[in-house]
Amino acid sequence: TAELHVNQADALIVMGGPMSANDDLPYLHREIQFIRDGIDRG
């Protein structure tokens, strides 16, 4: 639940890990939303 100022970043990097993108993990759901926002913001 950490607060992140993603809209202030000039770019996003998303690294690897042993979990699946399909895992029902709250932080992965947040990351997907951040990725979507980053793509939408160009």
Full PDB file with SEQRES, HELIX, SHEET, SSBOND, CRYST1, ORIGX, SCALE, CONECT and MASTER records, all heavy atoms in Angstrom:
SEQRES   1 A   42  THR ALA GLU LEU HIS VAL ASN GLN ALA ASP ALA LEU ILE          
SEQRES   2 A   42  VAL MET GLY GLY PRO MET SER ALA ASN ASP ASP LEU PRO          
SEQRES   3 A   42  TYR LEU HIS ARG GLU ILE GLN PHE ILE ARG ASP GLY ILE          
SEQRES   4 A   42  ASP ARG GLY                                                  
HELIX    1 AA1 VAL A    6  GLN A    8  5                                   3    
HELIX    2 AA2 PRO A   26  ASP A   40  1                                  15    
CRYST1    1.000    1.000    1.000  90.00  90.00  90.00 P 1           1          
ORIGX1      1.000000  0.000000  0.000000        0.00000                         
ORIGX2      0.000000  1.000000  0.000000        0.00000                         
ORIGX3      0.000000  0.000000  1.000000        0.00000                         
SCALE1      1.000000  0.000000  0.000000        0.00000                         
SCALE2      0.000000  1.000000  0.000000        0.00000                         
SCALE3      0.000000  0.000000  1.000000        0.00000                         
ATOM      1  N   THR A   1       0.816  -1.224   0.000  1.00  0.00           N  
ATOM      2  CA  THR A   1       0.000   0.000   0.000  1.00  0.00           C  
ATOM      3  C   THR A   1       0.843   1.265   0.000  1.00  0.00           C  
ATOM      4  O   THR A   1       0.321   2.355   0.228  1.00  0.00           O  
ATOM      5  CB  THR A   1      -0.933   0.007   1.222  1.00  0.00           C  
ATOM      6  OG1 THR A   1      -0.138  -0.011   2.428  1.00  0.00           O  
ATOM      7  CG2 THR A   1      -1.867  -1.189   1.212  1.00  0.00           C  
ATOM      8  N   ALA A   2       2.132   1.137  -0.242  1.00  0.00           N  
ATOM      9  CA  ALA A   2       3.009   2.302  -0.228  1.00  0.00           C  
ATOM     10  C   ALA A   2       2.543   3.346  -1.226  1.00  0.00           C  
ATOM     11  O   ALA A   2       2.095   3.031  -2.333  1.00  0.00           O  
ATOM     12  CB  ALA A   2       4.442   1.881  -0.544  1.00  0.00           C  
ATOM     13  N   GLU A   3       2.664   4.614  -0.826  1.00  0.00           N  
ATOM     14  CA  GLU A   3       2.273   5.696  -1.719  1.00  0.00           C  
ATOM     15  C   GLU A   3       3.373   5.909  -2.764  1.00  0.00           C  
ATOM     16  O   GLU A   3       4.553   6.026  -2.433  1.00  0.00           O  
ATOM     17  CB  GLU A   3       2.069   6.988  -0.927  1.00  0.00           C  
ATOM     18  CG  GLU A   3       1.597   8.155  -1.776  1.00  0.00           C  
ATOM     19  CD  GLU A   3       1.360   9.418  -0.968  1.00  0.00           C  
ATOM     20  OE1 GLU A   3       1.567   9.383   0.264  1.00  0.00           O  
ATOM     21  OE2 GLU A   3       0.973  10.434  -1.573  1.00  0.00           O  
ATOM     22  N   LEU A   4       2.988   5.956  -4.018  1.00  0.00           N  
ATOM     23  CA  LEU A   4       3.932   6.162  -5.109  1.00  0.00           C  
ATOM     24  C   LEU A   4       3.467   7.328  -5.975  1.00  0.00           C  
ATOM     25  O   LEU A   4       2.290   7.415  -6.327  1.00  0.00           O  
ATOM     26  CB  LEU A   4       4.043   4.909  -5.986  1.00  0.00           C  
ATOM     27  CG  LEU A   4       4.552   3.625  -5.325  1.00  0.00           C  
ATOM     28  CD1 LEU A   4       4.527   2.487  -6.335  1.00  0.00           C  
ATOM     29  CD2 LEU A   4       5.973   3.822  -4.793  1.00  0.00           C  
ATOM     30  N   HIS A   5       4.398   8.204  -6.325  1.00  0.00           N  
ATOM     31  CA  HIS A   5       4.075   9.328  -7.197  1.00  0.00           C  
ATOM     32  C   HIS A   5       4.471   8.953  -8.626  1.00  0.00           C  
ATOM     33  O   HIS A   5       5.392   9.507  -9.218  1.00  0.00           O  
ATOM     34  CB  HIS A   5       4.807  10.580  -6.722  1.00  0.00           C  
ATOM     35  CG  HIS A   5       4.457  10.973  -5.312  1.00  0.00           C  
ATOM     36  ND1 HIS A   5       3.224  11.498  -4.979  1.00  0.00           N  
ATOM     37  CD2 HIS A   5       5.161  10.887  -4.150  1.00  0.00           C  
ATOM     38  CE1 HIS A   5       3.185  11.738  -3.673  1.00  0.00           C  
ATOM     39  NE2 HIS A   5       4.345  11.366  -3.147  1.00  0.00           N  
ATOM     40  N   VAL A   6       3.738   8.001  -9.166  1.00  0.00           N  
ATOM     41  CA  VAL A   6       4.078   7.457 -10.481  1.00  0.00           C  
ATOM     42  C   VAL A   6       3.973   8.515 -11.567  1.00  0.00           C  
ATOM     43  O   VAL A   6       4.751   8.518 -12.520  1.00  0.00           O  
ATOM     44  CB  VAL A   6       3.168   6.253 -10.800  1.00  0.00           C  
ATOM     45  CG1 VAL A   6       3.491   5.674 -12.160  1.00  0.00           C  
ATOM     46  CG2 VAL A   6       3.327   5.182  -9.728  1.00  0.00           C  
ATOM     47  N   ASN A   7       3.022   9.437 -11.423  1.00  0.00           N  
ATOM     48  CA  ASN A   7       2.837  10.453 -12.464  1.00  0.00           C  
ATOM     49  C   ASN A   7       3.994  11.434 -12.536  1.00  0.00           C  
ATOM     50  O   ASN A   7       4.105  12.204 -13.489  1.00  0.00           O  
ATOM     51  CB  ASN A   7       1.517  11.198 -12.264  1.00  0.00           C  
ATOM     52  CG  ASN A   7       1.447  11.925 -10.925  1.00  0.00           C  
ATOM     53  OD1 ASN A   7       2.252  11.666 -10.020  1.00  0.00           O  
ATOM     54  ND2 ASN A   7       0.487  12.822 -10.783  1.00  0.00           N  
ATOM     55  N   GLN A   8       4.883  11.406 -11.547  1.00  0.00           N  
ATOM     56  CA  GLN A   8       6.053  12.276 -11.574  1.00  0.00           C  
ATOM     57  C   GLN A   8       7.273  11.596 -12.197  1.00  0.00           C  
ATOM     58  O   GLN A   8       8.308  12.235 -12.391  1.00  0.00           O  
ATOM     59  CB  GLN A   8       6.386  12.739 -10.150  1.00  0.00           C  
ATOM     60  CG  GLN A   8       5.291  13.579  -9.506  1.00  0.00           C  
ATOM     61  CD  GLN A   8       5.622  13.957  -8.069  1.00  0.00           C  
ATOM     62  OE1 GLN A   8       6.752  13.814  -7.614  1.00  0.00           O  
ATOM     63  NE2 GLN A   8       4.614  14.429  -7.342  1.00  0.00           N  
ATOM     64  N   ALA A   9       7.155  10.325 -12.498  1.00  0.00           N  
ATOM     65  CA  ALA A   9       8.266   9.592 -13.102  1.00  0.00           C  
ATOM     66  C   ALA A   9       8.266   9.808 -14.615  1.00  0.00           C  
ATOM     67  O   ALA A   9       7.211   9.887 -15.252  1.00  0.00           O  
ATOM     68  CB  ALA A   9       8.155   8.105 -12.798  1.00  0.00           C  
ATOM     69  N   ASP A  10       9.468   9.884 -15.186  1.00  0.00           N  
ATOM     70  CA  ASP A  10       9.587  10.061 -16.631  1.00  0.00           C  
ATOM     71  C   ASP A  10       9.450   8.743 -17.374  1.00  0.00           C  
ATOM     72  O   ASP A  10       9.198   8.739 -18.590  1.00  0.00           O  
ATOM     73  CB  ASP A  10      10.942  10.695 -16.964  1.00  0.00           C  
ATOM     74  CG  ASP A  10      11.071  12.094 -16.386  1.00  0.00           C  
ATOM     75  OD1 ASP A  10      10.343  12.993 -16.862  1.00  0.00           O  
ATOM     76  OD2 ASP A  10      11.879  12.286 -15.464  1.00  0.00           O  
ATOM     77  N   ALA A  11       9.619   7.621 -16.683  1.00  0.00           N  
ATOM     78  CA  ALA A  11       9.505   6.302 -17.300  1.00  0.00           C  
ATOM     79  C   ALA A  11       9.340   5.258 -16.209  1.00  0.00           C  
ATOM     80  O   ALA A  11       9.636   5.508 -15.037  1.00  0.00           O  
ATOM     81  CB  ALA A  11      10.738   5.994 -18.149  1.00  0.00           C  
ATOM     82  N   LEU A  12       8.881   4.068 -16.611  1.00  0.00           N  
ATOM     83  CA  LEU A  12       8.684   2.960 -15.688  1.00  0.00           C  
ATOM     84  C   LEU A  12       9.491   1.756 -16.163  1.00  0.00           C  
ATOM     85  O   LEU A  12       9.592   1.492 -17.364  1.00  0.00           O  
ATOM     86  CB  LEU A  12       7.210   2.556 -15.611  1.00  0.00           C  
ATOM     87  CG  LEU A  12       6.191   3.629 -15.225  1.00  0.00           C  
ATOM     88  CD1 LEU A  12       4.791   3.028 -15.223  1.00  0.00           C  
ATOM     89  CD2 LEU A  12       6.515   4.224 -13.868  1.00  0.00           C  
ATOM     90  N   ILE A  13      10.059   1.033 -15.202  1.00  0.00           N  
ATOM     91  CA  ILE A  13      10.713  -0.242 -15.467  1.00  0.00           C  
ATOM     92  C   ILE A  13      10.051  -1.283 -14.571  1.00  0.00           C  
ATOM     93  O   ILE A  13       9.855  -1.042 -13.373  1.00  0.00           O  
ATOM     94  CB  ILE A  13      12.219  -0.190 -15.166  1.00  0.00           C  
ATOM     95  CG1 ILE A  13      12.917   0.879 -16.016  1.00  0.00           C  
ATOM     96  CG2 ILE A  13      12.867  -1.547 -15.401  1.00  0.00           C  
ATOM     97  CD1 ILE A  13      14.383   1.087 -15.654  1.00  0.00           C  
ATOM     98  N   VAL A  14       9.705  -2.432 -15.135  1.00  0.00           N  
ATOM     99  CA  VAL A  14       9.062  -3.499 -14.375  1.00  0.00           C  
ATOM    100  C   VAL A  14       9.934  -4.738 -14.499  1.00  0.00           C  
ATOM    101  O   VAL A  14      10.093  -5.289 -15.587  1.00  0.00           O  
ATOM    102  CB  VAL A  14       7.637  -3.781 -14.882  1.00  0.00           C  
ATOM    103  CG1 VAL A  14       6.910  -4.718 -13.914  1.00  0.00           C  
ATOM    104  CG2 VAL A  14       6.850  -2.491 -15.059  1.00  0.00           C  
ATOM    105  N   MET A  15      10.515  -5.180 -13.382  1.00  0.00           N  
ATOM    106  CA  MET A  15      11.487  -6.263 -13.400  1.00  0.00           C  
ATOM    107  C   MET A  15      10.820  -7.635 -13.257  1.00  0.00           C  
ATOM    108  O   MET A  15       9.608  -7.752 -13.209  1.00  0.00           O  
ATOM    109  CB  MET A  15      12.525  -6.046 -12.294  1.00  0.00           C  
ATOM    110  CG  MET A  15      13.338  -4.762 -12.469  1.00  0.00           C  
ATOM    111  SD  MET A  15      14.130  -4.630 -14.100  1.00  0.00           S  
ATOM    112  CE  MET A  15      15.204  -6.080 -14.082  1.00  0.00           C  
ATOM    113  N   GLY A  16      11.660  -8.686 -13.183  1.00  0.00           N  
ATOM    114  CA  GLY A  16      11.182 -10.053 -13.111  1.00  0.00           C  
ATOM    115  C   GLY A  16      10.870 -10.504 -11.699  1.00  0.00           C  
ATOM    116  O   GLY A  16      10.943  -9.731 -10.741  1.00  0.00           O  
ATOM    117  N   GLY A  17      10.546 -11.799 -11.573  1.00  0.00           N  
ATOM    118  CA  GLY A  17      10.231 -12.372 -10.275  1.00  0.00           C  
ATOM    119  C   GLY A  17       9.637 -13.755 -10.452  1.00  0.00           C  
ATOM    120  O   GLY A  17       9.206 -14.122 -11.552  1.00  0.00           O  
ATOM    121  N   PRO A  18       9.590 -14.541  -9.386  1.00  0.00           N  
ATOM    122  CA  PRO A  18       9.123 -15.925  -9.485  1.00  0.00           C  
ATOM    123  C   PRO A  18       7.614 -16.085  -9.521  1.00  0.00           C  
ATOM    124  O   PRO A  18       7.107 -17.171  -9.804  1.00  0.00           O  
ATOM    125  CB  PRO A  18       9.699 -16.564  -8.216  1.00  0.00           C  
ATOM    126  CG  PRO A  18       9.736 -15.434  -7.232  1.00  0.00           C  
ATOM    127  CD  PRO A  18      10.094 -14.216  -8.043  1.00  0.00           C  
ATOM    128  N   MET A  19       6.881 -15.025  -9.232  1.00  0.00           N  
ATOM    129  CA  MET A  19       5.426 -15.139  -9.229  1.00  0.00           C  
ATOM    130  C   MET A  19       4.879 -15.075 -10.658  1.00  0.00           C  
ATOM    131  O   MET A  19       5.614 -14.801 -11.605  1.00  0.00           O  
ATOM    132  CB  MET A  19       4.800 -14.053  -8.356  1.00  0.00           C  
ATOM    133  CG  MET A  19       5.137 -12.624  -8.762  1.00  0.00           C  
ATOM    134  SD  MET A  19       6.852 -12.136  -8.405  1.00  0.00           S  
ATOM    135  CE  MET A  19       6.901 -12.275  -6.624  1.00  0.00           C  
ATOM    136  N   SER A  20       3.592 -15.338 -10.799  1.00  0.00           N  
ATOM    137  CA  SER A  20       2.938 -15.277 -12.102  1.00  0.00           C  
ATOM    138  C   SER A  20       2.182 -13.963 -12.242  1.00  0.00           C  
ATOM    139  O   SER A  20       1.656 -13.422 -11.258  1.00  0.00           O  
ATOM    140  CB  SER A  20       1.951 -16.443 -12.254  1.00  0.00           C  
ATOM    141  OG  SER A  20       1.135 -16.279 -13.405  1.00  0.00           O  
ATOM    142  N   ALA A  21       2.130 -13.475 -13.457  1.00  0.00           N  
ATOM    143  CA  ALA A  21       1.331 -12.281 -13.726  1.00  0.00           C  
ATOM    144  C   ALA A  21      -0.143 -12.538 -13.454  1.00  0.00           C  
ATOM    145  O   ALA A  21      -0.922 -11.587 -13.288  1.00  0.00           O  
ATOM    146  CB  ALA A  21       1.528 -11.840 -15.180  1.00  0.00           C  
ATOM    147  N   ASN A  22      -0.526 -13.815 -13.396  1.00  0.00           N  
ATOM    148  CA  ASN A  22      -1.926 -14.168 -13.127  1.00  0.00           C  
ATOM    149  C   ASN A  22      -2.229 -14.345 -11.650  1.00  0.00           C  
ATOM    150  O   ASN A  22      -3.392 -14.575 -11.288  1.00  0.00           O  
ATOM    151  CB  ASN A  22      -2.273 -15.475 -13.861  1.00  0.00           C  
ATOM    152  CG  ASN A  22      -2.184 -15.326 -15.362  1.00  0.00           C  
ATOM    153  OD1 ASN A  22      -2.619 -14.328 -15.923  1.00  0.00           O  
ATOM    154  ND2 ASN A  22      -1.615 -16.326 -16.030  1.00  0.00           N  
ATOM    155  N   ASP A  23      -1.219 -14.257 -10.789  1.00  0.00           N  
ATOM    156  CA  ASP A  23      -1.449 -14.419  -9.353  1.00  0.00           C  
ATOM    157  C   ASP A  23      -2.335 -13.299  -8.817  1.00  0.00           C  
ATOM    158  O   ASP A  23      -2.170 -12.122  -9.190  1.00  0.00           O  
ATOM    159  CB  ASP A  23      -0.122 -14.422  -8.590  1.00  0.00           C  
ATOM    160  CG  ASP A  23       0.647 -15.724  -8.777  1.00  0.00           C  
ATOM    161  OD1 ASP A  23       0.048 -16.703  -9.258  1.00  0.00           O  
ATOM    162  OD2 ASP A  23       1.852 -15.749  -8.442  1.00  0.00           O  
ATOM    163  N   ASP A  24      -3.238 -13.668  -7.941  1.00  0.00           N  
ATOM    164  CA  ASP A  24      -4.161 -12.694  -7.355  1.00  0.00           C  
ATOM    165  C   ASP A  24      -3.489 -12.014  -6.165  1.00  0.00           C  
ATOM    166  O   ASP A  24      -3.810 -12.267  -5.004  1.00  0.00           O  
ATOM    167  CB  ASP A  24      -5.446 -13.402  -6.922  1.00  0.00           C  
ATOM    168  CG  ASP A  24      -6.515 -12.423  -6.452  1.00  0.00           C  
ATOM    169  OD1 ASP A  24      -6.389 -11.222  -6.763  1.00  0.00           O  
ATOM    170  OD2 ASP A  24      -7.472 -12.859  -5.774  1.00  0.00           O  
ATOM    171  N   LEU A  25      -2.530 -11.145  -6.493  1.00  0.00           N  
ATOM    172  CA  LEU A  25      -1.760 -10.430  -5.479  1.00  0.00           C  
ATOM    173  C   LEU A  25      -2.078  -8.941  -5.577  1.00  0.00           C  
ATOM    174  O   LEU A  25      -1.962  -8.355  -6.665  1.00  0.00           O  
ATOM    175  CB  LEU A  25      -0.261 -10.662  -5.677  1.00  0.00           C  
ATOM    176  CG  LEU A  25       0.204 -12.116  -5.534  1.00  0.00           C  
ATOM    177  CD1 LEU A  25       1.648 -12.262  -5.985  1.00  0.00           C  
ATOM    178  CD2 LEU A  25       0.053 -12.562  -4.069  1.00  0.00           C  
ATOM    179  N   PRO A  26      -2.464  -8.317  -4.474  1.00  0.00           N  
ATOM    180  CA  PRO A  26      -2.855  -6.898  -4.528  1.00  0.00           C  
ATOM    181  C   PRO A  26      -1.790  -6.004  -5.145  1.00  0.00           C  
ATOM    182  O   PRO A  26      -2.111  -5.079  -5.902  1.00  0.00           O  
ATOM    183  CB  PRO A  26      -3.098  -6.549  -3.054  1.00  0.00           C  
ATOM    184  CG  PRO A  26      -3.498  -7.841  -2.428  1.00  0.00           C  
ATOM    185  CD  PRO A  26      -2.670  -8.887  -3.124  1.00  0.00           C  
ATOM    186  N   TYR A  27      -0.504  -6.257  -4.835  1.00  0.00           N  
ATOM    187  CA  TYR A  27       0.519  -5.357  -5.371  1.00  0.00           C  
ATOM    188  C   TYR A  27       0.680  -5.528  -6.876  1.00  0.00           C  
ATOM    189  O   TYR A  27       1.025  -4.553  -7.577  1.00  0.00           O  
ATOM    190  CB  TYR A  27       1.852  -5.527  -4.639  1.00  0.00           C  
ATOM    191  CG  TYR A  27       2.575  -6.839  -4.844  1.00  0.00           C  
ATOM    192  CD1 TYR A  27       3.445  -7.020  -5.910  1.00  0.00           C  
ATOM    193  CD2 TYR A  27       2.411  -7.884  -3.941  1.00  0.00           C  
ATOM    194  CE1 TYR A  27       4.124  -8.216  -6.082  1.00  0.00           C  
ATOM    195  CE2 TYR A  27       3.092  -9.077  -4.099  1.00  0.00           C  
ATOM    196  CZ  TYR A  27       3.946  -9.239  -5.175  1.00  0.00           C  
ATOM    197  OH  TYR A  27       4.626 -10.416  -5.351  1.00  0.00           O  
ATOM    198  N   LEU A  28       0.425  -6.733  -7.405  1.00  0.00           N  
ATOM    199  CA  LEU A  28       0.479  -6.905  -8.859  1.00  0.00           C  
ATOM    200  C   LEU A  28      -0.692  -6.190  -9.529  1.00  0.00           C  
ATOM    201  O   LEU A  28      -0.531  -5.614 -10.619  1.00  0.00           O  
ATOM    202  CB  LEU A  28       0.477  -8.386  -9.224  1.00  0.00           C  
ATOM    203  CG  LEU A  28       1.747  -9.177  -8.903  1.00  0.00           C  
ATOM    204  CD1 LEU A  28       1.627 -10.608  -9.432  1.00  0.00           C  
ATOM    205  CD2 LEU A  28       2.996  -8.499  -9.484  1.00  0.00           C  
ATOM    206  N   HIS A  29      -1.845  -6.206  -8.884  1.00  0.00           N  
ATOM    207  CA  HIS A  29      -2.991  -5.465  -9.421  1.00  0.00           C  
ATOM    208  C   HIS A  29      -2.662  -3.968  -9.487  1.00  0.00           C  
ATOM    209  O   HIS A  29      -3.009  -3.291 -10.470  1.00  0.00           O  
ATOM    210  CB  HIS A  29      -4.232  -5.687  -8.555  1.00  0.00           C  
ATOM    211  CG  HIS A  29      -4.711  -7.104  -8.541  1.00  0.00           C  
ATOM    212  ND1 HIS A  29      -4.737  -7.896  -9.663  1.00  0.00           N  
ATOM    213  CD2 HIS A  29      -5.195  -7.878  -7.523  1.00  0.00           C  
ATOM    214  CE1 HIS A  29      -5.214  -9.092  -9.357  1.00  0.00           C  
ATOM    215  NE2 HIS A  29      -5.493  -9.111  -8.055  1.00  0.00           N  
ATOM    216  N   ARG A  30      -1.994  -3.464  -8.459  1.00  0.00           N  
ATOM    217  CA  ARG A  30      -1.607  -2.048  -8.460  1.00  0.00           C  
ATOM    218  C   ARG A  30      -0.604  -1.767  -9.574  1.00  0.00           C  
ATOM    219  O   ARG A  30      -0.706  -0.762 -10.270  1.00  0.00           O  
ATOM    220  CB  ARG A  30      -0.993  -1.658  -7.115  1.00  0.00           C  
ATOM    221  CG  ARG A  30      -1.960  -1.508  -5.972  1.00  0.00           C  
ATOM    222  CD  ARG A  30      -1.281  -0.858  -4.776  1.00  0.00           C  
ATOM    223  NE  ARG A  30      -1.066   0.577  -5.006  1.00  0.00           N  
ATOM    224  CZ  ARG A  30      -0.246   1.339  -4.268  1.00  0.00           C  
ATOM    225  NH1 ARG A  30       0.461   0.786  -3.291  1.00  0.00           N  
ATOM    226  NH2 ARG A  30      -0.130   2.622  -4.527  1.00  0.00           N  
ATOM    227  N   GLU A  31       0.361  -2.675  -9.737  1.00  0.00           N  
ATOM    228  CA  GLU A  31       1.361  -2.469 -10.781  1.00  0.00           C  
ATOM    229  C   GLU A  31       0.724  -2.430 -12.162  1.00  0.00           C  
ATOM    230  O   GLU A  31       1.099  -1.610 -13.006  1.00  0.00           O  
ATOM    231  CB  GLU A  31       2.416  -3.572 -10.726  1.00  0.00           C  
ATOM    232  CG  GLU A  31       3.396  -3.416  -9.580  1.00  0.00           C  
ATOM    233  CD  GLU A  31       4.521  -4.436  -9.634  1.00  0.00           C  
ATOM    234  OE1 GLU A  31       4.867  -4.884 -10.744  1.00  0.00           O  
ATOM    235  OE2 GLU A  31       5.053  -4.788  -8.564  1.00  0.00           O  
ATOM    236  N   ILE A  32      -0.218  -3.318 -12.402  1.00  0.00           N  
ATOM    237  CA  ILE A  32      -0.900  -3.324 -13.699  1.00  0.00           C  
ATOM    238  C   ILE A  32      -1.596  -1.988 -13.940  1.00  0.00           C  
ATOM    239  O   ILE A  32      -1.563  -1.448 -15.051  1.00  0.00           O  
ATOM    240  CB  ILE A  32      -1.894  -4.506 -13.768  1.00  0.00           C  
ATOM    241  CG1 ILE A  32      -1.109  -5.824 -13.919  1.00  0.00           C  
ATOM    242  CG2 ILE A  32      -2.876  -4.331 -14.923  1.00  0.00           C  
ATOM    243  CD1 ILE A  32      -1.961  -7.060 -13.813  1.00  0.00           C  
ATOM    244  N   GLN A  33      -2.202  -1.439 -12.910  1.00  0.00           N  
ATOM    245  CA  GLN A  33      -2.843  -0.130 -13.058  1.00  0.00           C  
ATOM    246  C   GLN A  33      -1.812   0.961 -13.320  1.00  0.00           C  
ATOM    247  O   GLN A  33      -2.024   1.855 -14.151  1.00  0.00           O  
ATOM    248  CB  GLN A  33      -3.662   0.208 -11.810  1.00  0.00           C  
ATOM    249  CG  GLN A  33      -4.473   1.489 -11.946  1.00  0.00           C  
ATOM    250  CD  GLN A  33      -5.413   1.453 -13.131  1.00  0.00           C  
ATOM    251  OE1 GLN A  33      -6.253   0.552 -13.235  1.00  0.00           O  
ATOM    252  NE2 GLN A  33      -5.276   2.410 -14.038  1.00  0.00           N  
ATOM    253  N   PHE A  34      -0.672   0.890 -12.631  1.00  0.00           N  
ATOM    254  CA  PHE A  34       0.384   1.871 -12.870  1.00  0.00           C  
ATOM    255  C   PHE A  34       0.929   1.751 -14.290  1.00  0.00           C  
ATOM    256  O   PHE A  34       1.239   2.760 -14.941  1.00  0.00           O  
ATOM    257  CB  PHE A  34       1.521   1.688 -11.859  1.00  0.00           C  
ATOM    258  CG  PHE A  34       1.173   2.108 -10.459  1.00  0.00           C  
ATOM    259  CD1 PHE A  34       1.616   1.379  -9.364  1.00  0.00           C  
ATOM    260  CD2 PHE A  34       0.404   3.241 -10.222  1.00  0.00           C  
ATOM    261  CE1 PHE A  34       1.304   1.772  -8.065  1.00  0.00           C  
ATOM    262  CE2 PHE A  34       0.084   3.639  -8.928  1.00  0.00           C  
ATOM    263  CZ  PHE A  34       0.537   2.899  -7.849  1.00  0.00           C  
ATOM    264  N   ILE A  35       1.076   0.514 -14.776  1.00  0.00           N  
ATOM    265  CA  ILE A  35       1.537   0.312 -16.150  1.00  0.00           C  
ATOM    266  C   ILE A  35       0.537   0.916 -17.124  1.00  0.00           C  
ATOM    267  O   ILE A  35       0.915   1.606 -18.075  1.00  0.00           O  
ATOM    268  CB  ILE A  35       1.735  -1.191 -16.436  1.00  0.00           C  
ATOM    269  CG1 ILE A  35       2.909  -1.742 -15.619  1.00  0.00           C  
ATOM    270  CG2 ILE A  35       1.980  -1.426 -17.932  1.00  0.00           C  
ATOM    271  CD1 ILE A  35       2.996  -3.262 -15.621  1.00  0.00           C  
ATOM    272  N   ARG A  36      -0.744   0.658 -16.896  1.00  0.00           N  
ATOM    273  CA  ARG A  36      -1.783   1.222 -17.753  1.00  0.00           C  
ATOM    274  C   ARG A  36      -1.730   2.740 -17.759  1.00  0.00           C  
ATOM    275  O   ARG A  36      -1.795   3.383 -18.816  1.00  0.00           O  
ATOM    276  CB  ARG A  36      -3.156   0.718 -17.280  1.00  0.00           C  
ATOM    277  CG  ARG A  36      -4.368   1.447 -17.872  1.00  0.00           C  
ATOM    278  CD  ARG A  36      -4.332   1.564 -19.373  1.00  0.00           C  
ATOM    279  NE  ARG A  36      -4.364   0.274 -20.033  1.00  0.00           N  
ATOM    280  CZ  ARG A  36      -4.101   0.106 -21.337  1.00  0.00           C  
ATOM    281  NH1 ARG A  36      -3.744   1.141 -22.078  1.00  0.00           N  
ATOM    282  NH2 ARG A  36      -4.151  -1.090 -21.868  1.00  0.00           N  
ATOM    283  N   ASP A  37      -1.599   3.337 -16.578  1.00  0.00           N  
ATOM    284  CA  ASP A  37      -1.524   4.790 -16.486  1.00  0.00           C  
ATOM    285  C   ASP A  37      -0.298   5.319 -17.223  1.00  0.00           C  
ATOM    286  O   ASP A  37      -0.368   6.344 -17.917  1.00  0.00           O  
ATOM    287  CB  ASP A  37      -1.478   5.234 -15.023  1.00  0.00           C  
ATOM    288  CG  ASP A  37      -2.794   4.977 -14.295  1.00  0.00           C  
ATOM    289  OD1 ASP A  37      -3.807   4.721 -14.971  1.00  0.00           O  
ATOM    290  OD2 ASP A  37      -2.799   5.020 -13.049  1.00  0.00           O  
ATOM    291  N   GLY A  38       0.844   4.628 -17.063  1.00  0.00           N  
ATOM    292  CA  GLY A  38       2.060   5.064 -17.742  1.00  0.00           C  
ATOM    293  C   GLY A  38       1.911   5.012 -19.246  1.00  0.00           C  
ATOM    294  O   GLY A  38       2.333   5.939 -19.961  1.00  0.00           O  
ATOM    295  N   ILE A  39       1.335   3.926 -19.755  1.00  0.00           N  
ATOM    296  CA  ILE A  39       1.115   3.806 -21.199  1.00  0.00           C  
ATOM    297  C   ILE A  39       0.170   4.898 -21.680  1.00  0.00           C  
ATOM    298  O   ILE A  39       0.416   5.551 -22.701  1.00  0.00           O  
ATOM    299  CB  ILE A  39       0.565   2.409 -21.538  1.00  0.00           C  
ATOM    300  CG1 ILE A  39       1.627   1.345 -21.263  1.00  0.00           C  
ATOM    301  CG2 ILE A  39       0.109   2.350 -22.993  1.00  0.00           C  
ATOM    302  CD1 ILE A  39       1.125  -0.075 -21.413  1.00  0.00           C  
ATOM    303  N   ASP A  40      -0.922   5.111 -20.952  1.00  0.00           N  
ATOM    304  CA  ASP A  40      -1.903   6.119 -21.344  1.00  0.00           C  
ATOM    305  C   ASP A  40      -1.309   7.522 -21.332  1.00  0.00           C  
ATOM    306  O   ASP A  40      -1.718   8.387 -22.131  1.00  0.00           O  
ATOM    307  CB  ASP A  40      -3.116   6.068 -20.417  1.00  0.00           C  
ATOM    308  CG  ASP A  40      -3.967   4.821 -20.625  1.00  0.00           C  
ATOM    309  OD1 ASP A  40      -3.772   4.140 -21.658  1.00  0.00           O  
ATOM    310  OD2 ASP A  40      -4.811   4.521 -19.754  1.00  0.00           O  
ATOM    311  N   ARG A  41      -0.356   7.770 -20.449  1.00  0.00           N  
ATOM    312  CA  ARG A  41       0.284   9.083 -20.364  1.00  0.00           C  
ATOM    313  C   ARG A  41       1.432   9.225 -21.364  1.00  0.00           C  
ATOM    314  O   ARG A  41       2.070  10.269 -21.414  1.00  0.00           O  
ATOM    315  CB  ARG A  41       0.810   9.320 -18.941  1.00  0.00           C  
ATOM    316  CG  ARG A  41      -0.292   9.491 -17.901  1.00  0.00           C  
ATOM    317  CD  ARG A  41       0.279   9.484 -16.483  1.00  0.00           C  
ATOM    318  NE  ARG A  41       1.214  10.566 -16.270  1.00  0.00           N  
ATOM    319  CZ  ARG A  41       0.867  11.805 -15.930  1.00  0.00           C  
ATOM    320  NH1 ARG A  41      -0.407  12.108 -15.757  1.00  0.00           N  
ATOM    321  NH2 ARG A  41       1.782  12.736 -15.747  1.00  0.00           N  
ATOM    322  N   GLY A  42       1.695   8.185 -22.124  1.00  0.00           N  
ATOM    323  CA  GLY A  42       2.751   8.252 -23.133  1.00  0.00           C  
ATOM    324  C   GLY A  42       4.151   8.137 -22.582  1.00  0.00           C  
ATOM    325  O   GLY A  42       5.120   8.550 -23.228  1.00  0.00           O  
TER     326      GLY A  42                                                      
MASTER        0    0    0    2    0    0    0    6  325    1    0    4          
END                                                                             
